[in-house]
Amino acid sequence: MLINQIKKDLISFQKEKRHREVSSLRMLLSSITNKEKDKRLELSAKYSYEELDLKAKLNDEEVLNVIFFEAKKRKDAIEEFKKAKREDLVQKEETELKALQKYLPEELSDEEIKRILKEIIKEKGTNQIGVVMKEAMIRTKGRADGKRIKQILESP
């Protein structure tokens, strides 16, 4: 499971004294734990105490969603710190982002995104941004940023 790999990497980074990566993975594990608690709370009315432990564990897809969310937060922070000319914080966030990207699937190239968008437009018979974006986000889940897809869609 993905969470086991994250825990192994955390121990490895601790031994290597890579403090920024350790901090990043600790924050990630904290976010995963919080998501498990939320899931447990949602399921608590439906299942007995014994069943909750098994049902509340996140599967790899749910863990990936948490990683996507954390990576997006880092990307947004990098943009804001660049605007504020805070290079020290940009470097910190980029280091944390690199630690998270190890667990994410490889991003799609612009050409692959264009191909997917053309397929969607052909299938749906429309090039309305809302309709195309909705389907594109489903098909590229986690492999392309929504801002990037929209830029490619709006470019001539």
Protein backbone atom coordinates (compact mmCIF):
# COMPACT_ATOMS: atom_id res chain seq x y z
CA MET A 1 0.00 0.00 0.00
CA LEU A 2 1.02 3.57 -0.67
CA ILE A 3 0.82 4.63 2.96
CA ASN A 4 3.33 1.94 3.93
CA GLN A 5 5.76 3.26 1.31
CA ILE A 6 5.36 6.78 2.68
CA LYS A 7 6.13 5.55 6.20
CA LYS A 8 9.21 3.66 4.99
CA ASP A 9 10.44 6.75 3.15
CA LEU A 10 9.87 8.86 6.25
CA ILE A 11 12.11 6.56 8.28
CA SER A 12 14.72 6.62 5.53
CA PHE A 13 14.69 10.43 5.37
CA GLN A 14 14.97 10.61 9.15
CA LYS A 15 18.07 8.42 9.07
CA GLU A 16 19.56 10.59 6.31
CA LYS A 17 18.70 13.75 8.29
CA ARG A 18 16.77 15.27 5.38
CA HIS A 19 14.69 17.59 7.55
CA ARG A 20 12.55 19.26 4.89
CA GLU A 21 11.47 15.94 3.39
CA VAL A 22 10.77 14.58 6.88
CA SER A 23 8.63 17.61 7.63
CA SER A 24 6.78 17.24 4.35
CA LEU A 25 6.02 13.55 4.87
CA ARG A 26 4.94 14.15 8.45
CA MET A 27 2.46 16.78 7.24
CA LEU A 28 1.26 14.34 4.59
CA LEU A 29 0.77 11.54 7.12
CA SER A 30 -1.07 13.99 9.37
CA SER A 31 -3.40 14.90 6.49
CA ILE A 32 -3.98 11.22 5.76
CA THR A 33 -4.80 10.56 9.41
CA ASN A 34 -7.23 13.48 9.45
CA LYS A 35 -8.93 12.14 6.33
CA GLU A 36 -9.22 8.70 7.99
CA LYS A 37 -10.81 10.33 11.04
CA ASP A 38 -13.29 12.16 8.83
CA LYS A 39 -14.14 8.93 7.05
CA ARG A 40 -14.51 7.11 10.36
CA LEU A 41 -16.91 9.79 11.60
CA GLU A 42 -19.03 9.48 8.44
CA LEU A 43 -19.18 5.69 8.76
CA SER A 44 -19.72 5.55 12.53
CA ALA A 45 -23.51 5.54 12.24
CA LYS A 46 -23.52 2.62 9.79
CA TYR A 47 -21.03 0.15 11.26
CA SER A 48 -20.11 -1.40 14.58
CA TYR A 49 -16.91 -0.44 16.36
CA GLU A 50 -15.07 -3.56 15.12
CA GLU A 51 -16.00 -2.94 11.49
CA LEU A 52 -15.06 0.73 11.66
CA ASP A 53 -11.35 0.05 11.99
CA LEU A 54 -11.32 -1.82 8.69
CA LYS A 55 -13.75 0.44 6.83
CA ALA A 56 -12.12 3.73 7.90
CA LYS A 57 -8.71 2.87 6.44
CA LEU A 58 -7.99 4.80 3.28
CA ASN A 59 -7.30 2.85 0.11
CA ASP A 60 -4.54 3.89 -2.29
CA GLU A 61 -6.90 6.01 -4.40
CA GLU A 62 -8.04 7.99 -1.36
CA VAL A 63 -4.43 8.42 -0.22
CA LEU A 64 -3.56 9.69 -3.71
CA ASN A 65 -6.37 12.24 -3.46
CA VAL A 66 -4.86 13.53 -0.21
CA ILE A 67 -1.43 13.73 -1.88
CA PHE A 68 -2.95 15.62 -4.85
CA PHE A 69 -4.51 18.09 -2.46
CA GLU A 70 -1.27 18.60 -0.52
CA ALA A 71 0.74 19.00 -3.74
CA LYS A 72 -1.74 21.57 -5.03
CA LYS A 73 -1.37 23.54 -1.80
CA ARG A 74 2.41 23.57 -2.30
CA LYS A 75 2.08 24.71 -5.94
CA ASP A 76 -0.25 27.54 -4.94
CA ALA A 77 2.09 28.57 -2.13
CA ILE A 78 5.05 28.61 -4.54
CA GLU A 79 3.17 30.97 -6.86
CA GLU A 80 2.27 33.31 -4.02
CA PHE A 81 5.79 33.32 -2.56
CA LYS A 82 7.23 34.11 -6.00
CA LYS A 83 4.89 37.09 -6.26
CA ALA A 84 6.07 38.23 -2.83
CA LYS A 85 9.72 37.65 -3.83
CA ARG A 86 10.30 35.26 -0.93
CA GLU A 87 12.88 32.96 -2.51
CA ASP A 88 13.65 31.22 0.80
CA LEU A 89 10.04 30.09 1.15
CA VAL A 90 9.84 29.18 -2.54
CA GLN A 91 12.76 26.78 -2.07
CA LYS A 92 11.17 25.26 1.03
CA GLU A 93 7.86 24.66 -0.75
CA GLU A 94 9.61 23.26 -3.84
CA THR A 95 11.52 20.78 -1.68
CA GLU A 96 8.27 19.68 -0.05
CA LEU A 97 6.58 19.42 -3.44
CA LYS A 98 9.38 17.19 -4.75
CA ALA A 99 8.92 14.87 -1.78
CA LEU A 100 5.19 14.60 -2.55
CA GLN A 101 5.57 14.21 -6.32
CA LYS A 102 7.38 10.94 -5.79
CA TYR A 103 4.01 9.36 -4.96
CA LEU A 104 1.98 11.00 -7.73
CA PRO A 105 1.50 9.55 -11.22
CA GLU A 106 3.50 11.18 -14.01
CA GLU A 107 1.95 14.35 -15.41
CA LEU A 108 0.57 14.42 -18.95
CA SER A 109 2.36 16.38 -21.65
CA ASP A 110 0.65 19.26 -23.43
CA GLU A 111 0.27 17.09 -26.55
CA GLU A 112 -1.48 14.34 -24.57
CA ILE A 113 -3.82 16.88 -23.00
CA LYS A 114 -4.63 18.35 -26.44
CA ARG A 115 -5.39 14.85 -27.75
CA ILE A 116 -7.73 14.17 -24.81
CA LEU A 117 -9.46 17.54 -25.30
CA LYS A 118 -9.97 16.85 -29.01
CA GLU A 119 -11.50 13.45 -28.18
CA ILE A 120 -13.87 15.03 -25.66
CA ILE A 121 -14.95 17.76 -28.08
CA LYS A 122 -15.56 15.14 -30.78
CA GLU A 123 -17.53 12.86 -28.42
CA LYS A 124 -19.61 15.61 -26.81
CA GLY A 125 -20.15 17.51 -30.04
CA THR A 126 -19.51 20.82 -28.30
CA ASN A 127 -16.58 22.97 -27.30
CA GLN A 128 -18.25 24.69 -24.35
CA ILE A 129 -15.58 25.16 -21.74
CA GLY A 130 -17.68 23.92 -18.81
CA VAL A 131 -18.71 20.66 -20.50
CA VAL A 132 -15.23 19.92 -21.84
CA MET A 133 -13.45 20.85 -18.59
CA LYS A 134 -15.72 18.63 -16.51
CA GLU A 135 -14.95 15.58 -18.64
CA ALA A 136 -11.25 16.50 -18.96
CA MET A 137 -10.85 16.66 -15.19
CA ILE A 138 -12.34 13.18 -14.89
CA ARG A 139 -10.10 11.71 -17.59
CA THR A 140 -6.88 13.37 -16.42
CA LYS A 141 -7.47 12.99 -12.68
CA GLY A 142 -4.22 13.68 -10.92
CA ARG A 143 -2.14 13.73 -14.06
CA ALA A 144 -2.81 17.33 -15.13
CA ASP A 145 -3.61 20.54 -13.31
CA GLY A 146 -6.96 22.16 -14.06
CA LYS A 147 -5.32 25.54 -14.75
CA ARG A 148 -3.06 23.95 -17.34
CA ILE A 149 -5.95 22.13 -19.03
CA LYS A 150 -7.94 25.35 -19.20
CA GLN A 151 -4.98 27.25 -20.70
CA ILE A 152 -4.56 24.59 -23.38
CA LEU A 153 -8.29 24.53 -24.06
CA GLU A 154 -8.47 28.31 -24.46
CA SER A 155 -5.31 28.59 -26.59
CA PRO A 156 -5.82 28.75 -30.37
